[in-house]
Amino acid sequence: MNNYFDAEEVTSNTCKLLLVVGFLQGEALDWHRAMIGGIGGINRWVDYEQAIQVNFQPTNAEDCYRDNFANLKQTGSVKDFNREFRRVVLKCKNVSEEEMFDKYKRSLRKDIQKELVLK
């Protein structure tokens, strides 16, 4: 959302809180209505971000992200694997460049790994 707000130059807390509702559904939408409707009393975007993470992010989120990172394997195209690899790595904290590169190479299909060695 912050990237969207930056791109659209949305700076008002009120506007941010009104715009975010269009991206929510189900339990998250119900939670949003309660928070904005007075129960939670949230009126600043930074407080809203923190509250939504506390309410919806698993308590062991970093462990889950690391597990996803550890279990990455290419099953489809390199393009699809690159997209998934970036998505997973961006959620992990403190992953060194060396660790990323090593994991990337080891997660590729064996035939792709062989091509990398030959080049």
C-alpha atoms as a PDB file:
ATOM      1  CA  MET A   1       0.000   0.000   0.000  1.00  0.00           C
ATOM      2  CA  ASN A   2       2.806   2.393   0.804  1.00  0.00           C
ATOM      3  CA  ASN A   3       4.155   2.078  -2.747  1.00  0.00           C
ATOM      4  CA  TYR A   4       0.693   2.899  -4.077  1.00  0.00           C
ATOM      5  CA  PHE A   5       0.403   5.888  -1.760  1.00  0.00           C
ATOM      6  CA  ASP A   6       3.835   7.124  -2.819  1.00  0.00           C
ATOM      7  CA  ALA A   7       3.055   6.716  -6.522  1.00  0.00           C
ATOM      8  CA  GLU A   8      -0.270   8.508  -6.165  1.00  0.00           C
ATOM      9  CA  GLU A   9       1.206  11.101  -3.779  1.00  0.00           C
ATOM     10  CA  VAL A  10      -1.327  10.286  -1.073  1.00  0.00           C
ATOM     11  CA  THR A  11      -0.094  11.871   2.147  1.00  0.00           C
ATOM     12  CA  SER A  12      -3.245  12.370   4.212  1.00  0.00           C
ATOM     13  CA  ASN A  13      -3.882   9.785   6.918  1.00  0.00           C
ATOM     14  CA  THR A  14      -7.608  10.121   6.282  1.00  0.00           C
ATOM     15  CA  CYS A  15      -7.204   9.422   2.563  1.00  0.00           C
ATOM     16  CA  LYS A  16      -4.964   6.411   3.212  1.00  0.00           C
ATOM     17  CA  LEU A  17      -7.462   4.907   5.642  1.00  0.00           C
ATOM     18  CA  LEU A  18     -10.325   5.483   3.201  1.00  0.00           C
ATOM     19  CA  LEU A  19      -8.429   4.036   0.230  1.00  0.00           C
ATOM     20  CA  VAL A  20      -7.240   0.864   1.945  1.00  0.00           C
ATOM     21  CA  VAL A  21     -10.801  -0.387   2.407  1.00  0.00           C
ATOM     22  CA  GLY A  22     -11.054  -1.042  -1.341  1.00  0.00           C
ATOM     23  CA  PHE A  23      -8.332  -3.687  -1.054  1.00  0.00           C
ATOM     24  CA  LEU A  24      -9.778  -5.600   1.908  1.00  0.00           C
ATOM     25  CA  GLN A  25     -12.313  -8.404   2.086  1.00  0.00           C
ATOM     26  CA  GLY A  26     -13.746 -10.907   4.539  1.00  0.00           C
ATOM     27  CA  GLU A  27     -12.308 -10.892   8.039  1.00  0.00           C
ATOM     28  CA  ALA A  28      -9.845  -8.102   7.189  1.00  0.00           C
ATOM     29  CA  LEU A  29     -12.682  -5.861   6.002  1.00  0.00           C
ATOM     30  CA  ASP A  30     -14.696  -6.556   9.158  1.00  0.00           C
ATOM     31  CA  TRP A  31     -11.623  -5.774  11.275  1.00  0.00           C
ATOM     32  CA  HIS A  32     -11.052  -2.549   9.320  1.00  0.00           C
ATOM     33  CA  ARG A  33     -14.610  -1.357   9.872  1.00  0.00           C
ATOM     34  CA  ALA A  34     -14.308  -1.976  13.606  1.00  0.00           C
ATOM     35  CA  MET A  35     -10.955  -0.171  13.830  1.00  0.00           C
ATOM     36  CA  ILE A  36     -11.996   2.857  11.815  1.00  0.00           C
ATOM     37  CA  GLY A  37     -15.552   2.899  13.157  1.00  0.00           C
ATOM     38  CA  GLY A  38     -14.491   3.895  16.626  1.00  0.00           C
ATOM     39  CA  ILE A  39     -13.756   0.672  18.501  1.00  0.00           C
ATOM     40  CA  GLY A  40     -10.051   0.850  17.749  1.00  0.00           C
ATOM     41  CA  GLY A  41      -9.881   4.595  17.378  1.00  0.00           C
ATOM     42  CA  ILE A  42      -7.125   4.397  14.763  1.00  0.00           C
ATOM     43  CA  ASN A  43      -6.685   7.576  12.766  1.00  0.00           C
ATOM     44  CA  ARG A  44      -3.021   7.473  11.703  1.00  0.00           C
ATOM     45  CA  TRP A  45      -1.707   5.261   8.896  1.00  0.00           C
ATOM     46  CA  VAL A  46       1.394   4.179  10.833  1.00  0.00           C
ATOM     47  CA  ASP A  47      -0.814   2.956  13.700  1.00  0.00           C
ATOM     48  CA  TYR A  48      -3.092   1.172  11.230  1.00  0.00           C
ATOM     49  CA  GLU A  49      -0.139  -0.637   9.601  1.00  0.00           C
ATOM     50  CA  GLN A  50       1.105  -1.830  12.968  1.00  0.00           C
ATOM     51  CA  ALA A  51      -2.360  -2.924  14.107  1.00  0.00           C
ATOM     52  CA  ILE A  52      -3.085  -4.911  10.944  1.00  0.00           C
ATOM     53  CA  GLN A  53       0.248  -6.709  11.240  1.00  0.00           C
ATOM     54  CA  VAL A  54      -0.395  -7.560  14.885  1.00  0.00           C
ATOM     55  CA  ASN A  55      -3.863  -8.892  14.031  1.00  0.00           C
ATOM     56  CA  PHE A  56      -3.133 -10.816  10.829  1.00  0.00           C
ATOM     57  CA  GLN A  57       0.559 -11.700  10.630  1.00  0.00           C
ATOM     58  CA  PRO A  58       1.394 -15.042  12.242  1.00  0.00           C
ATOM     59  CA  THR A  59       3.397 -14.723  15.445  1.00  0.00           C
ATOM     60  CA  ASN A  60       6.066 -16.940  13.920  1.00  0.00           C
ATOM     61  CA  ALA A  61       6.032 -15.144  10.555  1.00  0.00           C
ATOM     62  CA  GLU A  62       9.824 -14.973  10.229  1.00  0.00           C
ATOM     63  CA  ASP A  63      10.079 -18.732  10.839  1.00  0.00           C
ATOM     64  CA  CYS A  64       7.414 -19.314   8.176  1.00  0.00           C
ATOM     65  CA  TYR A  65       9.277 -17.083   5.710  1.00  0.00           C
ATOM     66  CA  ARG A  66      12.546 -18.896   6.432  1.00  0.00           C
ATOM     67  CA  ASP A  67      10.825 -22.267   5.982  1.00  0.00           C
ATOM     68  CA  ASN A  68       9.496 -21.121   2.604  1.00  0.00           C
ATOM     69  CA  PHE A  69      12.999 -19.951   1.696  1.00  0.00           C
ATOM     70  CA  ALA A  70      14.540 -23.273   2.763  1.00  0.00           C
ATOM     71  CA  ASN A  71      11.980 -25.275   0.773  1.00  0.00           C
ATOM     72  CA  LEU A  72      12.206 -23.343  -2.492  1.00  0.00           C
ATOM     73  CA  LYS A  73      12.582 -25.555  -5.558  1.00  0.00           C
ATOM     74  CA  GLN A  74      12.130 -24.763  -9.222  1.00  0.00           C
ATOM     75  CA  THR A  75       9.249 -26.783 -10.653  1.00  0.00           C
ATOM     76  CA  GLY A  76       8.200 -24.655 -13.619  1.00  0.00           C
ATOM     77  CA  SER A  77       9.936 -22.120 -15.824  1.00  0.00           C
ATOM     78  CA  VAL A  78      12.942 -20.080 -14.724  1.00  0.00           C
ATOM     79  CA  LYS A  79      10.792 -16.968 -15.066  1.00  0.00           C
ATOM     80  CA  ASP A  80       8.194 -18.363 -12.643  1.00  0.00           C
ATOM     81  CA  PHE A  81      10.923 -19.505 -10.243  1.00  0.00           C
ATOM     82  CA  ASN A  82      12.563 -16.055 -10.320  1.00  0.00           C
ATOM     83  CA  ARG A  83       9.256 -14.432  -9.416  1.00  0.00           C
ATOM     84  CA  GLU A  84       8.658 -16.857  -6.536  1.00  0.00           C
ATOM     85  CA  PHE A  85      12.247 -16.580  -5.316  1.00  0.00           C
ATOM     86  CA  ARG A  86      12.044 -12.770  -5.165  1.00  0.00           C
ATOM     87  CA  ARG A  87       8.674 -12.920  -3.402  1.00  0.00           C
ATOM     88  CA  VAL A  88      10.003 -15.270  -0.717  1.00  0.00           C
ATOM     89  CA  VAL A  89      13.388 -13.574  -0.236  1.00  0.00           C
ATOM     90  CA  LEU A  90      11.847 -10.132   0.197  1.00  0.00           C
ATOM     91  CA  LYS A  91       9.929 -11.389   3.233  1.00  0.00           C
ATOM     92  CA  CYS A  92      13.014 -12.841   4.953  1.00  0.00           C
ATOM     93  CA  LYS A  93      15.200 -10.693   7.162  1.00  0.00           C
ATOM     94  CA  ASN A  94      18.981 -10.850   7.276  1.00  0.00           C
ATOM     95  CA  VAL A  95      19.586 -12.980   4.185  1.00  0.00           C
ATOM     96  CA  SER A  96      23.092 -12.277   2.898  1.00  0.00           C
ATOM     97  CA  GLU A  97      23.872 -11.950  -0.804  1.00  0.00           C
ATOM     98  CA  GLU A  98      25.985 -15.108  -0.592  1.00  0.00           C
ATOM     99  CA  GLU A  99      23.161 -17.065   1.041  1.00  0.00           C
ATOM    100  CA  MET A 100      20.677 -15.855  -1.587  1.00  0.00           C
ATOM    101  CA  PHE A 101      22.951 -16.753  -4.490  1.00  0.00           C
ATOM    102  CA  ASP A 102      23.775 -20.161  -3.038  1.00  0.00           C
ATOM    103  CA  LYS A 103      20.116 -20.961  -2.351  1.00  0.00           C
ATOM    104  CA  TYR A 104      19.109 -19.745  -5.807  1.00  0.00           C
ATOM    105  CA  LYS A 105      21.605 -22.029  -7.556  1.00  0.00           C
ATOM    106  CA  ARG A 106      20.748 -25.055  -5.406  1.00  0.00           C
ATOM    107  CA  SER A 107      17.015 -24.535  -5.895  1.00  0.00           C
ATOM    108  CA  LEU A 108      17.140 -24.631  -9.681  1.00  0.00           C
ATOM    109  CA  ARG A 109      16.283 -27.833 -11.537  1.00  0.00           C
ATOM    110  CA  LYS A 110      19.324 -30.077 -12.025  1.00  0.00           C
ATOM    111  CA  ASP A 111      19.387 -29.546 -15.811  1.00  0.00           C
ATOM    112  CA  ILE A 112      19.462 -25.764 -15.304  1.00  0.00           C
ATOM    113  CA  GLN A 113      22.204 -26.094 -12.669  1.00  0.00           C
ATOM    114  CA  LYS A 114      24.315 -28.059 -15.174  1.00  0.00           C
ATOM    115  CA  GLU A 115      23.881 -25.306 -17.777  1.00  0.00           C
ATOM    116  CA  LEU A 116      25.153 -22.740 -15.239  1.00  0.00           C
ATOM    117  CA  VAL A 117      28.279 -24.811 -14.579  1.00  0.00           C
ATOM    118  CA  LEU A 118      29.017 -25.128 -18.289  1.00  0.00           C
ATOM    119  CA  LYS A 119      28.874 -21.373 -18.882  1.00  0.00           C
END
